[in-house]
Amino acid sequence: MDGCLFCKIASGQIPCHKAYEDKQFLAFLDIRPRNRGHTLLIPKKHYRWVWDMREEYSVVLNRIANAQKKAFGTEFVVSFVIGEEVPHAHFHLVPRFPNDGHGALIDLSNVKNFTEKELKEQAERIRQFLAKH
């Protein structure tokens, strides 16, 4: 879709910190991370809403969440769908940590700041643990 930010990321027109890619999906770090390792999973094909998708995403979500758990030493990864910020189907996977500033629920306004080097390292850690499965 013309002008879609996530379509441009999926096609390589806009760079990202890639954590996973196959023929149907791309996972990359969120530019407004709520925690270390906050990853977005998108279908490469444009869909406005996740419930319009035909691709099977649950296996990929499970693989990424389990890699995040190992990569960041946590047992708790939150997944959610909002879909309003960018009009392209996407899933959020956010590792949770003790005292991460979110409380019982993810505070969407609580955005963390990481350096470019830290983001590259986070994506690499996820990729390393995905490769072990």
N, C-alpha and C. Protein backbone atom coordinates (compact mmCIF):
# COMPACT_ATOMS: atom_id res chain seq x y z
N MET A 1 0.85 -1.18 0.00
CA MET A 1 0.00 0.00 0.00
C MET A 1 0.89 1.24 0.00
N ASP A 2 0.61 2.17 -0.89
CA ASP A 2 1.40 3.39 -1.00
C ASP A 2 1.34 4.19 0.29
N GLY A 3 2.49 4.62 0.75
CA GLY A 3 2.56 5.47 1.93
C GLY A 3 2.51 4.74 3.26
N CYS A 4 2.33 3.44 3.28
CA CYS A 4 2.26 2.70 4.54
C CYS A 4 3.67 2.51 5.11
N LEU A 5 3.87 3.01 6.30
CA LEU A 5 5.17 2.93 6.96
C LEU A 5 5.66 1.48 7.08
N PHE A 6 4.80 0.58 7.52
CA PHE A 6 5.23 -0.80 7.72
C PHE A 6 5.47 -1.52 6.39
N CYS A 7 4.73 -1.16 5.35
CA CYS A 7 5.00 -1.73 4.02
C CYS A 7 6.39 -1.29 3.55
N LYS A 8 6.74 -0.04 3.82
CA LYS A 8 8.06 0.47 3.45
C LYS A 8 9.16 -0.23 4.24
N ILE A 9 8.91 -0.52 5.51
CA ILE A 9 9.89 -1.26 6.31
C ILE A 9 10.01 -2.68 5.77
N ALA A 10 8.89 -3.33 5.48
CA ALA A 10 8.89 -4.71 4.97
C ALA A 10 9.62 -4.82 3.64
N SER A 11 9.54 -3.79 2.81
CA SER A 11 10.18 -3.83 1.49
C SER A 11 11.64 -3.37 1.54
N GLY A 12 12.09 -2.91 2.70
CA GLY A 12 13.48 -2.48 2.84
C GLY A 12 13.70 -1.01 2.50
N GLN A 13 12.65 -0.27 2.21
CA GLN A 13 12.79 1.16 1.90
C GLN A 13 13.16 1.97 3.13
N ILE A 14 12.72 1.50 4.29
CA ILE A 14 13.03 2.16 5.56
C ILE A 14 13.76 1.14 6.42
N PRO A 15 14.91 1.51 6.99
CA PRO A 15 15.67 0.55 7.80
C PRO A 15 14.98 0.25 9.13
N CYS A 16 15.32 -0.91 9.68
CA CYS A 16 14.79 -1.30 10.99
C CYS A 16 15.82 -2.20 11.67
N HIS A 17 15.59 -2.45 12.94
CA HIS A 17 16.41 -3.41 13.70
C HIS A 17 15.68 -4.74 13.63
N LYS A 18 16.03 -5.52 12.64
CA LYS A 18 15.34 -6.76 12.31
C LYS A 18 15.68 -7.86 13.31
N ALA A 19 14.63 -8.51 13.83
CA ALA A 19 14.80 -9.63 14.75
C ALA A 19 14.47 -10.96 14.07
N TYR A 20 13.58 -10.92 13.08
CA TYR A 20 13.13 -12.16 12.42
C TYR A 20 12.56 -11.79 11.04
N GLU A 21 12.76 -12.72 10.08
CA GLU A 21 12.14 -12.53 8.78
C GLU A 21 11.98 -13.88 8.10
N ASP A 22 10.83 -14.06 7.46
CA ASP A 22 10.61 -15.20 6.58
C ASP A 22 9.81 -14.69 5.38
N LYS A 23 9.24 -15.56 4.59
CA LYS A 23 8.52 -15.14 3.39
C LYS A 23 7.27 -14.31 3.70
N GLN A 24 6.64 -14.59 4.83
CA GLN A 24 5.37 -13.95 5.16
C GLN A 24 5.45 -12.85 6.21
N PHE A 25 6.47 -12.90 7.09
CA PHE A 25 6.50 -12.01 8.24
C PHE A 25 7.85 -11.32 8.42
N LEU A 26 7.78 -10.19 9.09
CA LEU A 26 8.97 -9.46 9.51
C LEU A 26 8.75 -9.03 10.96
N ALA A 27 9.77 -9.24 11.78
CA ALA A 27 9.73 -8.77 13.17
C ALA A 27 10.90 -7.83 13.38
N PHE A 28 10.64 -6.69 13.99
CA PHE A 28 11.67 -5.68 14.20
C PHE A 28 11.38 -4.94 15.51
N LEU A 29 12.41 -4.30 16.04
CA LEU A 29 12.25 -3.57 17.29
C LEU A 29 11.41 -2.32 17.07
N ASP A 30 10.55 -2.05 18.04
CA ASP A 30 9.70 -0.86 18.01
C ASP A 30 10.58 0.38 18.20
N ILE A 31 10.30 1.46 17.46
CA ILE A 31 11.07 2.69 17.63
C ILE A 31 10.65 3.47 18.87
N ARG A 32 9.53 3.06 19.47
CA ARG A 32 9.07 3.64 20.74
C ARG A 32 8.91 2.49 21.74
N PRO A 33 10.05 1.89 22.14
CA PRO A 33 9.98 0.68 22.97
C PRO A 33 9.45 0.94 24.37
N ARG A 34 8.60 0.04 24.83
CA ARG A 34 8.09 0.10 26.20
C ARG A 34 9.02 -0.63 27.15
N ASN A 35 9.91 -1.48 26.62
CA ASN A 35 10.92 -2.18 27.39
C ASN A 35 11.99 -2.68 26.42
N ARG A 36 13.09 -3.13 27.00
CA ARG A 36 14.16 -3.76 26.24
C ARG A 36 13.57 -4.92 25.42
N GLY A 37 13.90 -4.97 24.13
CA GLY A 37 13.45 -6.07 23.30
C GLY A 37 12.04 -5.97 22.75
N HIS A 38 11.36 -4.84 22.94
CA HIS A 38 9.99 -4.64 22.44
C HIS A 38 10.01 -4.82 20.92
N THR A 39 9.30 -5.82 20.46
CA THR A 39 9.34 -6.22 19.05
C THR A 39 7.95 -6.15 18.44
N LEU A 40 7.90 -5.75 17.18
CA LEU A 40 6.67 -5.75 16.40
C LEU A 40 6.76 -6.86 15.36
N LEU A 41 5.69 -7.62 15.21
CA LEU A 41 5.59 -8.61 14.16
C LEU A 41 4.53 -8.14 13.18
N ILE A 42 4.92 -8.07 11.90
CA ILE A 42 3.98 -7.64 10.86
C ILE A 42 3.94 -8.66 9.73
N PRO A 43 2.79 -8.77 9.06
CA PRO A 43 2.77 -9.54 7.82
C PRO A 43 3.41 -8.66 6.74
N LYS A 44 4.14 -9.28 5.83
CA LYS A 44 4.74 -8.49 4.75
C LYS A 44 3.67 -7.97 3.79
N LYS A 45 2.60 -8.75 3.64
CA LYS A 45 1.48 -8.31 2.82
C LYS A 45 0.67 -7.31 3.63
N HIS A 46 0.18 -6.28 2.98
CA HIS A 46 -0.57 -5.26 3.71
C HIS A 46 -1.98 -5.73 4.06
N TYR A 47 -2.27 -5.68 5.34
CA TYR A 47 -3.62 -5.85 5.87
C TYR A 47 -3.84 -4.70 6.84
N ARG A 48 -5.00 -4.16 6.87
CA ARG A 48 -5.29 -3.09 7.83
C ARG A 48 -5.41 -3.63 9.25
N TRP A 49 -6.06 -4.77 9.40
CA TRP A 49 -6.32 -5.32 10.74
C TRP A 49 -5.79 -6.74 10.84
N VAL A 50 -5.41 -7.17 12.02
CA VAL A 50 -4.89 -8.52 12.19
C VAL A 50 -5.96 -9.57 11.87
N TRP A 51 -7.21 -9.27 12.09
CA TRP A 51 -8.26 -10.27 11.83
C TRP A 51 -8.57 -10.41 10.34
N ASP A 52 -7.95 -9.57 9.50
CA ASP A 52 -8.07 -9.72 8.05
C ASP A 52 -7.00 -10.65 7.48
N MET A 53 -6.00 -10.95 8.29
CA MET A 53 -4.87 -11.76 7.82
C MET A 53 -5.28 -13.19 7.53
N ARG A 54 -4.64 -13.77 6.56
CA ARG A 54 -4.83 -15.19 6.26
C ARG A 54 -3.61 -16.00 6.69
N GLU A 55 -2.49 -15.34 6.85
CA GLU A 55 -1.26 -16.02 7.26
C GLU A 55 -1.36 -16.49 8.71
N GLU A 56 -0.74 -17.61 8.99
CA GLU A 56 -0.71 -18.16 10.36
C GLU A 56 0.43 -17.49 11.11
N TYR A 57 0.09 -16.69 12.09
CA TYR A 57 1.09 -15.92 12.82
C TYR A 57 1.43 -16.49 14.19
N SER A 58 0.60 -17.35 14.76
CA SER A 58 0.81 -17.77 16.15
C SER A 58 2.12 -18.52 16.35
N VAL A 59 2.53 -19.32 15.40
CA VAL A 59 3.79 -20.06 15.54
C VAL A 59 4.96 -19.09 15.58
N VAL A 60 4.92 -18.07 14.73
CA VAL A 60 6.00 -17.07 14.70
C VAL A 60 6.00 -16.26 15.99
N LEU A 61 4.81 -15.84 16.45
CA LEU A 61 4.74 -15.10 17.72
C LEU A 61 5.32 -15.91 18.87
N ASN A 62 4.98 -17.20 18.92
CA ASN A 62 5.50 -18.07 19.99
C ASN A 62 7.02 -18.15 19.93
N ARG A 63 7.56 -18.34 18.74
CA ARG A 63 9.02 -18.44 18.59
C ARG A 63 9.72 -17.16 19.07
N ILE A 64 9.18 -16.01 18.67
CA ILE A 64 9.80 -14.74 19.06
C ILE A 64 9.68 -14.53 20.56
N ALA A 65 8.52 -14.76 21.14
CA ALA A 65 8.33 -14.57 22.58
C ALA A 65 9.27 -15.48 23.37
N ASN A 66 9.42 -16.73 22.95
CA ASN A 66 10.32 -17.64 23.66
C ASN A 66 11.78 -17.22 23.50
N ALA A 67 12.14 -16.69 22.34
CA ALA A 67 13.50 -16.17 22.15
C ALA A 67 13.72 -14.94 23.02
N GLN A 68 12.72 -14.07 23.12
CA GLN A 68 12.83 -12.89 23.99
C GLN A 68 13.04 -13.29 25.45
N LYS A 69 12.28 -14.29 25.90
CA LYS A 69 12.41 -14.75 27.29
C LYS A 69 13.85 -15.15 27.58
N LYS A 70 14.44 -15.91 26.68
CA LYS A 70 15.82 -16.37 26.89
C LYS A 70 16.81 -15.24 26.69
N ALA A 71 16.60 -14.42 25.69
CA ALA A 71 17.53 -13.34 25.37
C ALA A 71 17.63 -12.31 26.49
N PHE A 72 16.52 -12.07 27.19
CA PHE A 72 16.49 -11.01 28.19
C PHE A 72 16.27 -11.52 29.61
N GLY A 73 16.31 -12.84 29.79
CA GLY A 73 16.24 -13.41 31.13
C GLY A 73 14.95 -13.11 31.87
N THR A 74 13.83 -13.29 31.19
CA THR A 74 12.53 -13.06 31.82
C THR A 74 11.60 -14.22 31.50
N GLU A 75 10.60 -14.42 32.32
CA GLU A 75 9.57 -15.43 32.06
C GLU A 75 8.28 -14.79 31.58
N PHE A 76 8.29 -13.47 31.42
CA PHE A 76 7.06 -12.73 31.19
C PHE A 76 7.19 -11.87 29.94
N VAL A 77 6.47 -12.22 28.89
CA VAL A 77 6.40 -11.42 27.67
C VAL A 77 4.92 -11.14 27.40
N VAL A 78 4.58 -9.87 27.31
CA VAL A 78 3.22 -9.44 27.05
C VAL A 78 3.03 -9.29 25.54
N SER A 79 1.91 -9.74 25.04
CA SER A 79 1.59 -9.50 23.63
C SER A 79 0.28 -8.72 23.57
N PHE A 80 0.22 -7.80 22.63
CA PHE A 80 -1.02 -7.05 22.46
C PHE A 80 -1.12 -6.51 21.04
N VAL A 81 -2.36 -6.21 20.67
CA VAL A 81 -2.68 -5.64 19.37
C VAL A 81 -3.42 -4.34 19.62
N ILE A 82 -2.93 -3.28 19.04
CA ILE A 82 -3.65 -2.01 19.14
C ILE A 82 -4.10 -1.60 17.74
N GLY A 83 -3.15 -1.41 16.84
CA GLY A 83 -3.47 -1.18 15.44
C GLY A 83 -3.88 0.21 15.03
N GLU A 84 -3.80 1.17 15.92
CA GLU A 84 -4.21 2.52 15.56
C GLU A 84 -3.05 3.40 15.12
N GLU A 85 -1.84 3.13 15.66
CA GLU A 85 -0.71 4.00 15.38
C GLU A 85 -0.27 3.94 13.92
N VAL A 86 -0.27 2.75 13.35
CA VAL A 86 0.09 2.55 11.95
C VAL A 86 -1.01 1.67 11.34
N PRO A 87 -1.60 2.08 10.22
CA PRO A 87 -2.70 1.31 9.64
C PRO A 87 -2.23 0.07 8.86
N HIS A 88 -1.52 -0.80 9.55
CA HIS A 88 -1.01 -2.05 9.00
C HIS A 88 -1.06 -3.05 10.16
N ALA A 89 -1.59 -4.22 9.92
CA ALA A 89 -1.71 -5.23 10.98
C ALA A 89 -0.36 -5.44 11.66
N HIS A 90 -0.36 -5.44 13.00
CA HIS A 90 0.88 -5.69 13.73
C HIS A 90 0.59 -6.14 15.16
N PHE A 91 1.54 -6.91 15.67
CA PHE A 91 1.49 -7.45 17.02
C PHE A 91 2.67 -6.89 17.81
N HIS A 92 2.43 -6.54 19.05
CA HIS A 92 3.49 -6.10 19.96
C HIS A 92 3.87 -7.27 20.86
N LEU A 93 5.16 -7.47 21.07
CA LEU A 93 5.68 -8.43 22.04
C LEU A 93 6.65 -7.67 22.94
N VAL A 94 6.29 -7.55 24.21
CA VAL A 94 7.06 -6.73 25.14
C VAL A 94 7.53 -7.56 26.33
N PRO A 95 8.84 -7.78 26.44
CA PRO A 95 9.35 -8.46 27.64
C PRO A 95 9.07 -7.59 28.87
N ARG A 96 8.74 -8.24 29.97
CA ARG A 96 8.49 -7.54 31.24
C ARG A 96 9.57 -7.90 32.23
N PHE A 97 9.88 -6.94 33.12
CA PHE A 97 10.93 -7.10 34.11
C PHE A 97 10.46 -6.53 35.45
N PRO A 98 10.99 -7.05 36.55
CA PRO A 98 10.67 -6.45 37.84
C PRO A 98 11.05 -4.96 37.82
N ASN A 99 10.20 -4.13 38.38
CA ASN A 99 10.47 -2.70 38.48
C ASN A 99 10.73 -2.04 37.13
N ASP A 100 9.99 -2.46 36.09
CA ASP A 100 10.20 -1.87 34.76
C ASP A 100 9.39 -0.59 34.55
N GLY A 101 8.70 -0.15 35.60
CA GLY A 101 7.98 1.11 35.52
C GLY A 101 6.59 1.02 34.92
N HIS A 102 6.10 -0.20 34.70
CA HIS A 102 4.79 -0.34 34.07
C HIS A 102 3.68 -0.75 35.03
N GLY A 103 3.99 -1.33 36.14
CA GLY A 103 2.94 -1.81 37.02
C GLY A 103 2.32 -3.08 36.46
N ALA A 104 1.06 -3.34 36.82
CA ALA A 104 0.39 -4.57 36.40
C ALA A 104 0.11 -4.59 34.89
N LEU A 105 -0.10 -3.43 34.30
CA LEU A 105 -0.38 -3.32 32.87
C LEU A 105 0.68 -2.47 32.19
N ILE A 106 0.91 -2.72 30.91
CA ILE A 106 1.84 -1.90 30.15
C ILE A 106 1.30 -0.48 30.06
N ASP A 107 2.12 0.47 30.46
CA ASP A 107 1.79 1.89 30.34
C ASP A 107 2.32 2.35 28.99
N LEU A 108 1.43 2.56 28.04
CA LEU A 108 1.85 2.90 26.68
C LEU A 108 2.60 4.22 26.59
N SER A 109 2.43 5.09 27.59
CA SER A 109 3.16 6.36 27.58
C SER A 109 4.57 6.20 28.14
N ASN A 110 4.87 5.04 28.73
CA ASN A 110 6.19 4.80 29.33
C ASN A 110 7.13 4.24 28.27
N VAL A 111 7.70 5.15 27.47
CA VAL A 111 8.60 4.78 26.39
C VAL A 111 10.03 4.87 26.90
N LYS A 112 10.80 3.84 26.61
CA LYS A 112 12.20 3.78 27.05
C LYS A 112 13.10 4.32 25.93
N ASN A 113 14.25 4.84 26.32
CA ASN A 113 15.23 5.34 25.35
C ASN A 113 16.44 4.43 25.34
N PHE A 114 16.81 3.97 24.16
CA PHE A 114 18.00 3.13 23.99
C PHE A 114 18.85 3.73 22.88
N THR A 115 20.15 3.55 23.01
CA THR A 115 21.05 4.01 21.97
C THR A 115 20.94 3.09 20.75
N GLU A 116 21.45 3.56 19.64
CA GLU A 116 21.47 2.75 18.42
C GLU A 116 22.23 1.44 18.68
N LYS A 117 23.32 1.53 19.40
CA LYS A 117 24.12 0.34 19.73
C LYS A 117 23.30 -0.64 20.56
N GLU A 118 22.58 -0.14 21.56
CA GLU A 118 21.75 -1.00 22.41
C GLU A 118 20.65 -1.68 21.60
N LEU A 119 20.02 -0.95 20.68
CA LEU A 119 18.98 -1.54 19.85
C LEU A 119 19.54 -2.64 18.95
N LYS A 120 20.70 -2.39 18.35
CA LYS A 120 21.34 -3.42 17.53
C LYS A 120 21.63 -4.67 18.34
N GLU A 121 22.12 -4.47 19.57
CA GLU A 121 22.42 -5.61 20.45
C GLU A 121 21.15 -6.37 20.84
N GLN A 122 20.07 -5.66 21.11
CA GLN A 122 18.81 -6.31 21.47
C GLN A 122 18.29 -7.18 20.31
N ALA A 123 18.30 -6.63 19.10
CA ALA A 123 17.85 -7.39 17.93
C ALA A 123 18.74 -8.61 17.71
N GLU A 124 20.04 -8.44 17.89
CA GLU A 124 20.98 -9.55 17.71
C GLU A 124 20.72 -10.65 18.73
N ARG A 125 20.45 -10.27 19.97
CA ARG A 125 20.17 -11.28 21.01
C ARG A 125 18.93 -12.09 20.65
N ILE A 126 17.89 -11.44 20.17
CA ILE A 126 16.68 -12.17 19.77
C ILE A 126 17.02 -13.12 18.62
N ARG A 127 17.74 -12.61 17.62
CA ARG A 127 18.10 -13.46 16.47
C ARG A 127 18.93 -14.68 16.91
N GLN A 128 19.85 -14.48 17.85
CA GLN A 128 20.68 -15.58 18.35
C GLN A 128 19.82 -16.67 18.96
N PHE A 129 18.84 -16.30 19.78
CA PHE A 129 18.01 -17.30 20.42
C PHE A 129 16.99 -17.91 19.47
N LEU A 130 16.59 -17.18 18.44
CA LEU A 130 15.73 -17.76 17.41
C LEU A 130 16.50 -18.82 16.62
N ALA A 131 17.77 -18.56 16.38
CA ALA A 131 18.60 -19.49 15.61
C ALA A 131 18.83 -20.79 16.36
N LYS A 132 18.73 -20.78 17.68
CA LYS A 132 18.95 -21.99 18.49
C LYS A 132 17.76 -22.92 18.49
N HIS A 133 16.62 -22.47 17.95
CA HIS A 133 15.40 -23.30 17.95
C HIS A 133 15.24 -23.96 16.61
